[in-house]
Amino acid sequence: MSIERKIRILAGTMILTSLALSQLHSIYWLFLTGFVGLNLLQSSVTGFCPAEKILAKL
């Protein structure tokens, strides 16, 4: 599986998990959703993705 595919799976899982936690636990979990969204936007503009560097080392 390619790193790009792993990043998409990781981002989607984090978004869905934070949305579920915001409904079940605390609304503040939506900050994680926003962080993931901003990171995806930043990586599309700059071409740098921190998750890619971390997953490449694993």
C-alpha atoms as a PDB file:
ATOM      1  CA  MET A   1       0.000   0.000   0.000  1.00  0.00           C
ATOM      2  CA  SER A   2       1.387   3.422  -0.917  1.00  0.00           C
ATOM      3  CA  ILE A   3       2.113   6.151   1.631  1.00  0.00           C
ATOM      4  CA  GLU A   4      -0.454   8.450  -0.004  1.00  0.00           C
ATOM      5  CA  ARG A   5      -3.153   5.846   0.499  1.00  0.00           C
ATOM      6  CA  LYS A   6      -2.127   5.343   4.135  1.00  0.00           C
ATOM      7  CA  ILE A   7      -2.330   9.106   4.724  1.00  0.00           C
ATOM      8  CA  ARG A   8      -5.839   9.257   3.273  1.00  0.00           C
ATOM      9  CA  ILE A   9      -6.920   6.338   5.464  1.00  0.00           C
ATOM     10  CA  LEU A  10      -5.358   7.975   8.533  1.00  0.00           C
ATOM     11  CA  ALA A  11      -6.972  11.365   7.838  1.00  0.00           C
ATOM     12  CA  GLY A  12     -10.388   9.848   7.179  1.00  0.00           C
ATOM     13  CA  THR A  13     -10.210   7.714  10.308  1.00  0.00           C
ATOM     14  CA  MET A  14      -9.183  10.678  12.449  1.00  0.00           C
ATOM     15  CA  ILE A  15     -12.008  12.829  11.078  1.00  0.00           C
ATOM     16  CA  LEU A  16     -14.661  10.151  11.589  1.00  0.00           C
ATOM     17  CA  THR A  17     -13.360   9.332  15.071  1.00  0.00           C
ATOM     18  CA  SER A  18     -13.316  12.972  16.154  1.00  0.00           C
ATOM     19  CA  LEU A  19     -16.832  13.509  14.797  1.00  0.00           C
ATOM     20  CA  ALA A  20     -18.096  10.482  16.722  1.00  0.00           C
ATOM     21  CA  LEU A  21     -16.338  11.625  19.902  1.00  0.00           C
ATOM     22  CA  SER A  22     -17.792  15.124  19.531  1.00  0.00           C
ATOM     23  CA  GLN A  23     -21.274  13.608  19.531  1.00  0.00           C
ATOM     24  CA  LEU A  24     -20.653  11.117  22.337  1.00  0.00           C
ATOM     25  CA  HIS A  25     -18.240  12.901  24.639  1.00  0.00           C
ATOM     26  CA  SER A  26     -17.428  16.581  24.109  1.00  0.00           C
ATOM     27  CA  ILE A  27     -17.909  19.189  21.399  1.00  0.00           C
ATOM     28  CA  TYR A  28     -14.231  20.101  21.787  1.00  0.00           C
ATOM     29  CA  TRP A  29     -13.253  17.040  19.748  1.00  0.00           C
ATOM     30  CA  LEU A  30     -14.212  19.113  16.710  1.00  0.00           C
ATOM     31  CA  PHE A  31     -10.899  20.936  17.146  1.00  0.00           C
ATOM     32  CA  LEU A  32      -9.207  17.716  16.023  1.00  0.00           C
ATOM     33  CA  THR A  33     -11.416  17.681  12.924  1.00  0.00           C
ATOM     34  CA  GLY A  34     -10.392  21.261  12.190  1.00  0.00           C
ATOM     35  CA  PHE A  35      -6.718  20.456  12.751  1.00  0.00           C
ATOM     36  CA  VAL A  36      -6.839  17.534  10.324  1.00  0.00           C
ATOM     37  CA  GLY A  37      -8.628  19.688   7.743  1.00  0.00           C
ATOM     38  CA  LEU A  38      -6.085  22.490   8.090  1.00  0.00           C
ATOM     39  CA  ASN A  39      -3.238  19.999   7.797  1.00  0.00           C
ATOM     40  CA  LEU A  40      -4.736  18.589   4.594  1.00  0.00           C
ATOM     41  CA  LEU A  41      -5.130  22.109   3.189  1.00  0.00           C
ATOM     42  CA  GLN A  42      -1.579  23.062   4.174  1.00  0.00           C
ATOM     43  CA  SER A  43      -0.146  19.916   2.627  1.00  0.00           C
ATOM     44  CA  SER A  44      -1.975  20.527  -0.655  1.00  0.00           C
ATOM     45  CA  VAL A  45      -0.612  24.086  -0.865  1.00  0.00           C
ATOM     46  CA  THR A  46       2.973  23.508   0.292  1.00  0.00           C
ATOM     47  CA  GLY A  47       3.522  19.876  -0.682  1.00  0.00           C
ATOM     48  CA  PHE A  48       4.815  19.086   2.826  1.00  0.00           C
ATOM     49  CA  CYS A  49       2.897  16.570   4.928  1.00  0.00           C
ATOM     50  CA  PRO A  50       4.120  15.737   8.450  1.00  0.00           C
ATOM     51  CA  ALA A  51       2.195  12.448   8.429  1.00  0.00           C
ATOM     52  CA  GLU A  52       4.088  11.382   5.306  1.00  0.00           C
ATOM     53  CA  LYS A  53       7.422  11.836   7.087  1.00  0.00           C
ATOM     54  CA  ILE A  54       6.205   9.858  10.111  1.00  0.00           C
ATOM     55  CA  LEU A  55       4.727   7.020   8.044  1.00  0.00           C
ATOM     56  CA  ALA A  56       7.859   6.810   5.896  1.00  0.00           C
ATOM     57  CA  LYS A  57       9.908   6.040   9.015  1.00  0.00           C
ATOM     58  CA  LEU A  58       7.545   3.239  10.053  1.00  0.00           C
END
